[in-house]
Amino acid sequence: MSQTLPLRLHHNAWITDDQEANRHFYEDVLGLPLIAVWTEVNTLFGTERAYSHALYGLADGSALAFFQFADSEAQKEFRTDINDTPFRHIAFKVDHETQEAMHKRLTAADPDSDAHVIDHGFCVSLYVTDPNGLRLEFAVDHPDVAKIDEERRTTAHADLARWLSGDHTPNNNWR
């Protein structure tokens, strides 16, 4: 039986309190181009609201989108505050040169930035927090990524069943 999957991520949306600070971070520091800004006035949840919707493009045509409301009460109502955890993040695939250039620009823009690199074995990831508190990961795949992906796809159900049964033995042989 064939399963139809989504073609790609269209966009991931977030709230920002400062579109210009956000633009500077995403466009000037990370290098993601501002590709569209939509300004709207719509009735949302029973109230007329004015907002902007800025999108930053990725190479595959997907985007990161950020909303800012004109009214401070609407901004508070829709703010995307979350508990602070490094395990909630958006991860992007990049090549080594892109990751290295981003890391240099992040450090140059803010020497106290939380930007840091972790080698997970199957990928090497650059982590940073944006001006809105959104954590981002820029991952460079291991050179043997096709072999690693095939191995994990083959054992995914068994790995999950093993974990759920209480066997928490690591299976990352790539570290």
C-alpha atoms as a PDB file:
ATOM      1  CA  MET A   1       0.000   0.000   0.000  1.00  0.00           C
ATOM      2  CA  SER A   2       1.447   3.340  -1.057  1.00  0.00           C
ATOM      3  CA  GLN A   3       1.325   6.276   1.347  1.00  0.00           C
ATOM      4  CA  THR A   4       1.337   9.869   0.165  1.00  0.00           C
ATOM      5  CA  LEU A   5       3.588  12.080   2.274  1.00  0.00           C
ATOM      6  CA  PRO A   6       3.724  15.861   2.473  1.00  0.00           C
ATOM      7  CA  LEU A   7       6.045  17.239  -0.190  1.00  0.00           C
ATOM      8  CA  ARG A   8       8.033  19.478   2.154  1.00  0.00           C
ATOM      9  CA  LEU A   9       7.576  21.870   5.038  1.00  0.00           C
ATOM     10  CA  HIS A  10       5.756  24.949   3.702  1.00  0.00           C
ATOM     11  CA  HIS A  11       6.535  27.169   6.683  1.00  0.00           C
ATOM     12  CA  ASN A  12       6.840  27.164  10.429  1.00  0.00           C
ATOM     13  CA  ALA A  13       5.168  30.151  12.122  1.00  0.00           C
ATOM     14  CA  TRP A  14       6.114  31.969  15.302  1.00  0.00           C
ATOM     15  CA  ILE A  15       5.386  35.287  17.025  1.00  0.00           C
ATOM     16  CA  THR A  16       7.964  38.066  17.235  1.00  0.00           C
ATOM     17  CA  ASP A  17       7.795  41.225  19.323  1.00  0.00           C
ATOM     18  CA  ASP A  18      10.184  43.087  17.029  1.00  0.00           C
ATOM     19  CA  GLN A  19      10.082  42.471  13.267  1.00  0.00           C
ATOM     20  CA  GLU A  20      13.221  44.561  12.649  1.00  0.00           C
ATOM     21  CA  ALA A  21      15.368  42.836  15.300  1.00  0.00           C
ATOM     22  CA  ASN A  22      14.062  39.553  13.907  1.00  0.00           C
ATOM     23  CA  ARG A  23      14.905  40.601  10.317  1.00  0.00           C
ATOM     24  CA  HIS A  24      18.418  41.574  11.362  1.00  0.00           C
ATOM     25  CA  PHE A  25      19.001  38.200  13.044  1.00  0.00           C
ATOM     26  CA  TYR A  26      17.564  36.030  10.263  1.00  0.00           C
ATOM     27  CA  GLU A  27      18.683  38.016   7.225  1.00  0.00           C
ATOM     28  CA  ASP A  28      21.857  39.858   8.261  1.00  0.00           C
ATOM     29  CA  VAL A  29      23.302  37.320  10.708  1.00  0.00           C
ATOM     30  CA  LEU A  30      22.025  33.902   9.583  1.00  0.00           C
ATOM     31  CA  GLY A  31      21.734  34.802   5.895  1.00  0.00           C
ATOM     32  CA  LEU A  32      18.110  33.719   5.320  1.00  0.00           C
ATOM     33  CA  PRO A  33      16.562  36.173   2.867  1.00  0.00           C
ATOM     34  CA  LEU A  34      13.397  38.075   3.702  1.00  0.00           C
ATOM     35  CA  ILE A  35      11.156  36.845   0.869  1.00  0.00           C
ATOM     36  CA  ALA A  36       7.755  38.325   1.722  1.00  0.00           C
ATOM     37  CA  VAL A  37       5.958  40.542   4.202  1.00  0.00           C
ATOM     38  CA  TRP A  38       2.188  40.361   4.285  1.00  0.00           C
ATOM     39  CA  THR A  39       0.334  43.074   6.181  1.00  0.00           C
ATOM     40  CA  GLU A  40      -3.229  42.146   6.998  1.00  0.00           C
ATOM     41  CA  VAL A  41      -6.337  43.284   8.821  1.00  0.00           C
ATOM     42  CA  ASN A  42      -8.639  40.335   9.454  1.00  0.00           C
ATOM     43  CA  THR A  43     -11.266  39.228  11.900  1.00  0.00           C
ATOM     44  CA  LEU A  44      -9.535  36.539  13.908  1.00  0.00           C
ATOM     45  CA  PHE A  45     -11.315  34.779  16.752  1.00  0.00           C
ATOM     46  CA  GLY A  46     -14.092  37.373  16.745  1.00  0.00           C
ATOM     47  CA  THR A  47     -11.893  40.490  16.799  1.00  0.00           C
ATOM     48  CA  GLU A  48     -10.520  42.621  13.981  1.00  0.00           C
ATOM     49  CA  ARG A  49      -6.735  42.484  14.174  1.00  0.00           C
ATOM     50  CA  ALA A  50      -3.910  44.145  12.240  1.00  0.00           C
ATOM     51  CA  TYR A  51      -0.720  42.145  11.865  1.00  0.00           C
ATOM     52  CA  SER A  52       2.371  41.620   9.770  1.00  0.00           C
ATOM     53  CA  HIS A  53       3.587  38.242   8.587  1.00  0.00           C
ATOM     54  CA  ALA A  54       7.266  38.140   7.527  1.00  0.00           C
ATOM     55  CA  LEU A  55       8.745  35.097   5.793  1.00  0.00           C
ATOM     56  CA  TYR A  56      12.392  34.063   5.492  1.00  0.00           C
ATOM     57  CA  GLY A  57      13.254  31.622   2.721  1.00  0.00           C
ATOM     58  CA  LEU A  58      15.062  28.305   2.744  1.00  0.00           C
ATOM     59  CA  ALA A  59      16.692  26.664  -0.275  1.00  0.00           C
ATOM     60  CA  ASP A  60      13.898  24.093  -0.758  1.00  0.00           C
ATOM     61  CA  GLY A  61      11.194  26.769  -1.018  1.00  0.00           C
ATOM     62  CA  SER A  62       9.988  26.451   2.568  1.00  0.00           C
ATOM     63  CA  ALA A  63      10.114  29.338   5.005  1.00  0.00           C
ATOM     64  CA  LEU A  64      10.154  30.522   8.577  1.00  0.00           C
ATOM     65  CA  ALA A  65       7.271  32.910   9.242  1.00  0.00           C
ATOM     66  CA  PHE A  66       6.935  35.471  12.016  1.00  0.00           C
ATOM     67  CA  PHE A  67       3.801  37.349  13.042  1.00  0.00           C
ATOM     68  CA  GLN A  68       3.630  40.643  14.892  1.00  0.00           C
ATOM     69  CA  PHE A  69       0.334  42.226  15.909  1.00  0.00           C
ATOM     70  CA  ALA A  70      -0.221  45.997  15.904  1.00  0.00           C
ATOM     71  CA  ASP A  71      -2.225  45.806  19.139  1.00  0.00           C
ATOM     72  CA  SER A  72      -0.173  44.993  22.256  1.00  0.00           C
ATOM     73  CA  GLU A  73      -3.059  42.992  23.786  1.00  0.00           C
ATOM     74  CA  ALA A  74      -3.283  40.781  20.692  1.00  0.00           C
ATOM     75  CA  GLN A  75       0.496  40.398  20.805  1.00  0.00           C
ATOM     76  CA  LYS A  76       0.253  39.158  24.400  1.00  0.00           C
ATOM     77  CA  GLU A  77      -2.689  36.882  23.588  1.00  0.00           C
ATOM     78  CA  PHE A  78      -0.881  35.085  20.769  1.00  0.00           C
ATOM     79  CA  ARG A  79       2.679  35.153  22.120  1.00  0.00           C
ATOM     80  CA  THR A  80       4.338  31.759  21.825  1.00  0.00           C
ATOM     81  CA  ASP A  81       5.900  31.565  25.269  1.00  0.00           C
ATOM     82  CA  ILE A  82       7.049  28.054  26.065  1.00  0.00           C
ATOM     83  CA  ASN A  83       9.023  26.416  28.812  1.00  0.00           C
ATOM     84  CA  ASP A  84      12.721  26.803  28.120  1.00  0.00           C
ATOM     85  CA  THR A  85      14.141  23.501  26.918  1.00  0.00           C
ATOM     86  CA  PRO A  86      16.802  22.681  24.331  1.00  0.00           C
ATOM     87  CA  PHE A  87      14.695  19.735  23.191  1.00  0.00           C
ATOM     88  CA  ARG A  88      12.098  21.971  21.498  1.00  0.00           C
ATOM     89  CA  HIS A  89      13.757  23.396  18.405  1.00  0.00           C
ATOM     90  CA  ILE A  90      13.627  23.623  14.630  1.00  0.00           C
ATOM     91  CA  ALA A  91      16.434  21.800  12.811  1.00  0.00           C
ATOM     92  CA  PHE A  92      17.722  22.655   9.343  1.00  0.00           C
ATOM     93  CA  LYS A  93      20.019  20.638   7.122  1.00  0.00           C
ATOM     94  CA  VAL A  94      23.074  22.631   6.004  1.00  0.00           C
ATOM     95  CA  ASP A  95      26.488  21.862   4.555  1.00  0.00           C
ATOM     96  CA  HIS A  96      29.677  22.313   6.565  1.00  0.00           C
ATOM     97  CA  GLU A  97      30.641  25.610   4.922  1.00  0.00           C
ATOM     98  CA  THR A  98      27.211  27.146   5.610  1.00  0.00           C
ATOM     99  CA  GLN A  99      27.295  25.999   9.226  1.00  0.00           C
ATOM    100  CA  GLU A 100      30.794  27.371   9.733  1.00  0.00           C
ATOM    101  CA  ALA A 101      29.894  30.736   8.139  1.00  0.00           C
ATOM    102  CA  MET A 102      26.759  31.012  10.301  1.00  0.00           C
ATOM    103  CA  HIS A 103      28.749  30.241  13.437  1.00  0.00           C
ATOM    104  CA  LYS A 104      31.294  32.950  12.594  1.00  0.00           C
ATOM    105  CA  ARG A 105      28.565  35.529  11.862  1.00  0.00           C
ATOM    106  CA  LEU A 106      26.711  34.636  15.079  1.00  0.00           C
ATOM    107  CA  THR A 107      29.854  35.029  17.161  1.00  0.00           C
ATOM    108  CA  ALA A 108      30.776  38.294  15.412  1.00  0.00           C
ATOM    109  CA  ALA A 109      27.272  39.721  15.883  1.00  0.00           C
ATOM    110  CA  ASP A 110      27.105  38.701  19.552  1.00  0.00           C
ATOM    111  CA  PRO A 111      30.236  37.432  21.327  1.00  0.00           C
ATOM    112  CA  ASP A 112      27.984  36.339  24.232  1.00  0.00           C
ATOM    113  CA  SER A 113      25.705  34.337  21.931  1.00  0.00           C
ATOM    114  CA  ASP A 114      24.642  30.887  23.115  1.00  0.00           C
ATOM    115  CA  ALA A 115      25.740  29.458  19.742  1.00  0.00           C
ATOM    116  CA  HIS A 116      27.445  26.098  20.260  1.00  0.00           C
ATOM    117  CA  VAL A 117      28.250  22.938  18.294  1.00  0.00           C
ATOM    118  CA  ILE A 118      27.501  19.351  19.329  1.00  0.00           C
ATOM    119  CA  ASP A 119      28.752  16.265  17.481  1.00  0.00           C
ATOM    120  CA  HIS A 120      25.905  13.722  17.625  1.00  0.00           C
ATOM    121  CA  GLY A 121      27.816  11.158  15.554  1.00  0.00           C
ATOM    122  CA  PHE A 122      25.218  10.913  12.793  1.00  0.00           C
ATOM    123  CA  CYS A 123      25.361  14.718  12.391  1.00  0.00           C
ATOM    124  CA  VAL A 124      27.184  17.758  13.762  1.00  0.00           C
ATOM    125  CA  SER A 125      24.830  20.504  14.917  1.00  0.00           C
ATOM    126  CA  LEU A 126      25.141  24.220  15.526  1.00  0.00           C
ATOM    127  CA  TYR A 127      22.573  25.440  18.066  1.00  0.00           C
ATOM    128  CA  VAL A 128      21.488  29.030  18.717  1.00  0.00           C
ATOM    129  CA  THR A 129      18.507  30.846  20.215  1.00  0.00           C
ATOM    130  CA  ASP A 130      16.854  33.574  18.131  1.00  0.00           C
ATOM    131  CA  PRO A 131      15.648  36.938  19.518  1.00  0.00           C
ATOM    132  CA  ASN A 132      12.214  35.403  20.209  1.00  0.00           C
ATOM    133  CA  GLY A 133      13.482  32.507  22.331  1.00  0.00           C
ATOM    134  CA  LEU A 134      13.097  30.009  19.465  1.00  0.00           C
ATOM    135  CA  ARG A 135      15.902  27.469  19.415  1.00  0.00           C
ATOM    136  CA  LEU A 136      17.412  26.638  16.044  1.00  0.00           C
ATOM    137  CA  GLU A 137      19.661  23.777  14.958  1.00  0.00           C
ATOM    138  CA  PHE A 138      21.766  23.762  11.783  1.00  0.00           C
ATOM    139  CA  ALA A 139      22.854  20.164  11.166  1.00  0.00           C
ATOM    140  CA  VAL A 140      25.574  18.795   8.896  1.00  0.00           C
ATOM    141  CA  ASP A 141      24.931  15.133   8.104  1.00  0.00           C
ATOM    142  CA  HIS A 142      27.631  12.501   8.540  1.00  0.00           C
ATOM    143  CA  PRO A 143      29.314  11.552   5.218  1.00  0.00           C
ATOM    144  CA  ASP A 144      27.699   8.078   5.518  1.00  0.00           C
ATOM    145  CA  VAL A 145      24.197   9.519   6.013  1.00  0.00           C
ATOM    146  CA  ALA A 146      22.600   7.190   3.419  1.00  0.00           C
ATOM    147  CA  LYS A 147      23.965   4.113   5.213  1.00  0.00           C
ATOM    148  CA  ILE A 148      22.930   5.497   8.610  1.00  0.00           C
ATOM    149  CA  ASP A 149      19.413   6.375   7.389  1.00  0.00           C
ATOM    150  CA  GLU A 150      18.936   2.915   5.875  1.00  0.00           C
ATOM    151  CA  GLU A 151      20.063   1.249   9.100  1.00  0.00           C
ATOM    152  CA  ARG A 152      17.684   3.329  11.240  1.00  0.00           C
ATOM    153  CA  ARG A 153      14.737   2.848   8.853  1.00  0.00           C
ATOM    154  CA  THR A 154      15.289  -0.910   8.915  1.00  0.00           C
ATOM    155  CA  THR A 155      15.331  -1.102  12.715  1.00  0.00           C
ATOM    156  CA  ALA A 156      13.028   1.815  13.665  1.00  0.00           C
ATOM    157  CA  HIS A 157      10.037  -0.260  14.842  1.00  0.00           C
ATOM    158  CA  ALA A 158      12.213  -2.753  16.708  1.00  0.00           C
ATOM    159  CA  ASP A 159      14.182   0.102  18.303  1.00  0.00           C
ATOM    160  CA  LEU A 160      10.982   1.747  19.507  1.00  0.00           C
ATOM    161  CA  ALA A 161       9.569  -1.534  20.838  1.00  0.00           C
ATOM    162  CA  ARG A 162      12.849  -2.225  22.673  1.00  0.00           C
ATOM    163  CA  TRP A 163      12.802   1.267  24.232  1.00  0.00           C
ATOM    164  CA  LEU A 164       9.149   0.968  25.267  1.00  0.00           C
ATOM    165  CA  SER A 165       9.824  -2.416  26.885  1.00  0.00           C
ATOM    166  CA  GLY A 166      12.342  -0.766  29.198  1.00  0.00           C
ATOM    167  CA  ASP A 167      15.596  -1.578  27.380  1.00  0.00           C
ATOM    168  CA  HIS A 168      17.262   1.844  27.135  1.00  0.00           C
ATOM    169  CA  THR A 169      20.562   0.606  25.708  1.00  0.00           C
ATOM    170  CA  PRO A 170      22.030   3.207  23.308  1.00  0.00           C
ATOM    171  CA  ASN A 171      21.961   2.354  19.607  1.00  0.00           C
ATOM    172  CA  ASN A 172      23.958   5.323  18.282  1.00  0.00           C
ATOM    173  CA  ASN A 173      27.121   3.609  17.051  1.00  0.00           C
ATOM    174  CA  TRP A 174      28.145   6.732  15.169  1.00  0.00           C
ATOM    175  CA  ARG A 175      29.400   8.708  18.186  1.00  0.00           C
END
